[in-house]
Amino acid sequence: MRMPLPKTIENAPVLLPGLDLFYVAFMDLTTCRSVGFGEGPIPWDKTSEWCDRNDLDDEQREDMHFHITRLDTVYLKHRGKQAHKPTTKDAKG
C-alpha cells in the first residue's frame, strides 16, 4: 500500500540474539500477576515454574529471575504513570 509504517513499528526496539527468551518469558508470566486495586508484580514462584517447564539450567534460571524482576519493575512503573495520567475525558470534565 506504500503507506508509512506506524511510529510504534518504525521505532520498535531490536533484541540482541538470545534476549528473546526473556521477552517470551515475560509475556507468558505477565498473565500470572495478581490484579486487585492495581497490577501486582509477577510472583517469584511463577518465574521458577516457567523455568522448570522450559528446562532451564541453573545459570539460565538465575538470569531469568534477574531479567524478569527488572522487566517487571519497569513495566509496573510505566503502568503506574499511565494510571495517574488524566484522560481526555477527565480533562473535559
Protein backbone atom coordinates (compact mmCIF):
# COMPACT_ATOMS: atom_id res chain seq x y z
CA MET A 1 0.00 0.00 0.00
CA ARG A 2 3.11 2.19 0.18
CA MET A 3 1.95 3.82 3.38
CA PRO A 4 4.49 4.77 6.04
CA LEU A 5 4.91 2.39 8.97
CA PRO A 6 3.24 3.37 12.26
CA LYS A 7 5.74 5.04 14.63
CA THR A 8 5.47 2.16 17.14
CA ILE A 9 6.65 -0.29 14.49
CA GLU A 10 9.14 2.05 12.87
CA ASN A 11 10.78 2.79 16.24
CA ALA A 12 10.47 -0.74 17.66
CA PRO A 13 13.48 -1.87 19.69
CA VAL A 14 15.71 -4.59 18.31
CA LEU A 15 16.51 -7.50 20.62
CA LEU A 16 20.02 -8.89 20.56
CA PRO A 17 20.27 -12.63 19.82
CA GLY A 18 19.26 -14.71 22.84
CA LEU A 19 17.26 -11.99 24.59
CA ASP A 20 14.02 -13.15 23.01
CA LEU A 21 13.88 -15.90 25.66
CA PHE A 22 13.41 -13.26 28.37
CA TYR A 23 10.83 -11.37 26.36
CA VAL A 24 8.79 -14.53 25.69
CA ALA A 25 9.01 -15.50 29.37
CA PHE A 26 7.94 -12.01 30.46
CA MET A 27 4.94 -12.06 28.12
CA ASP A 28 3.93 -15.50 29.43
CA LEU A 29 4.47 -14.54 33.07
CA THR A 30 2.70 -11.19 32.90
CA THR A 31 -0.56 -13.17 32.81
CA CYS A 32 0.24 -14.55 36.29
CA ARG A 33 0.23 -11.27 38.18
CA SER A 34 -2.43 -10.58 40.78
CA VAL A 35 -4.91 -7.87 39.99
CA GLY A 36 -6.88 -6.10 42.68
CA PHE A 37 -6.63 -2.37 43.19
CA GLY A 38 -3.84 -2.47 40.62
CA GLU A 39 -1.45 -4.84 38.94
CA GLY A 40 0.90 -6.66 41.25
CA PRO A 41 4.38 -7.98 40.49
CA ILE A 42 4.99 -11.32 38.81
CA PRO A 43 5.31 -13.87 41.64
CA TRP A 44 8.76 -15.40 42.08
CA ASP A 45 7.36 -18.93 42.12
CA LYS A 46 5.68 -18.41 38.74
CA THR A 47 9.05 -17.50 37.21
CA SER A 48 10.54 -20.58 38.83
CA GLU A 49 7.74 -22.77 37.41
CA TRP A 50 8.29 -21.26 33.97
CA CYS A 51 11.98 -22.17 34.21
CA ASP A 52 11.07 -25.75 35.25
CA ARG A 53 8.68 -26.21 32.35
CA ASN A 54 11.21 -24.89 29.87
CA ASP A 55 14.15 -26.94 31.20
CA LEU A 56 16.40 -24.00 32.06
CA ASP A 57 19.65 -24.87 33.79
CA ASP A 58 20.82 -23.16 37.00
CA GLU A 59 22.66 -20.34 35.23
CA GLN A 60 19.73 -19.65 32.90
CA ARG A 61 17.32 -19.69 35.87
CA GLU A 62 19.43 -17.11 37.69
CA ASP A 63 19.49 -14.92 34.58
CA MET A 64 15.74 -15.38 34.10
CA HIS A 65 14.89 -14.26 37.64
CA PHE A 66 17.24 -11.27 37.27
CA HIS A 67 15.76 -10.11 33.96
CA ILE A 68 12.11 -10.81 34.79
CA THR A 69 12.43 -8.81 38.01
CA ARG A 70 13.93 -5.84 36.15
CA LEU A 71 11.45 -6.00 33.27
CA ASP A 72 8.60 -6.23 35.75
CA THR A 73 9.84 -3.24 37.74
CA VAL A 74 9.99 -1.07 34.61
CA TYR A 75 6.60 -2.36 33.42
CA LEU A 76 4.91 -1.60 36.76
CA LYS A 77 6.43 1.91 36.86
CA HIS A 78 5.14 2.53 33.35
CA ARG A 79 1.66 1.27 34.22
CA GLY A 80 1.67 3.40 37.37
CA LYS A 81 2.41 6.51 35.32
CA GLN A 82 -0.37 5.59 32.88
CA ALA A 83 -2.84 5.21 35.74
CA HIS A 84 -2.09 8.72 37.01
CA LYS A 85 -2.36 10.44 33.62
CA PRO A 86 -5.57 12.37 33.13
CA THR A 87 -7.53 11.09 30.16
CA THR A 88 -9.04 13.42 27.60
CA LYS A 89 -12.43 12.53 29.10
CA ASP A 90 -11.21 13.63 32.57
CA ALA A 91 -9.80 16.88 31.17
CA LYS A 92 -13.15 17.81 29.60
CA GLY A 93 -14.98 17.35 32.87
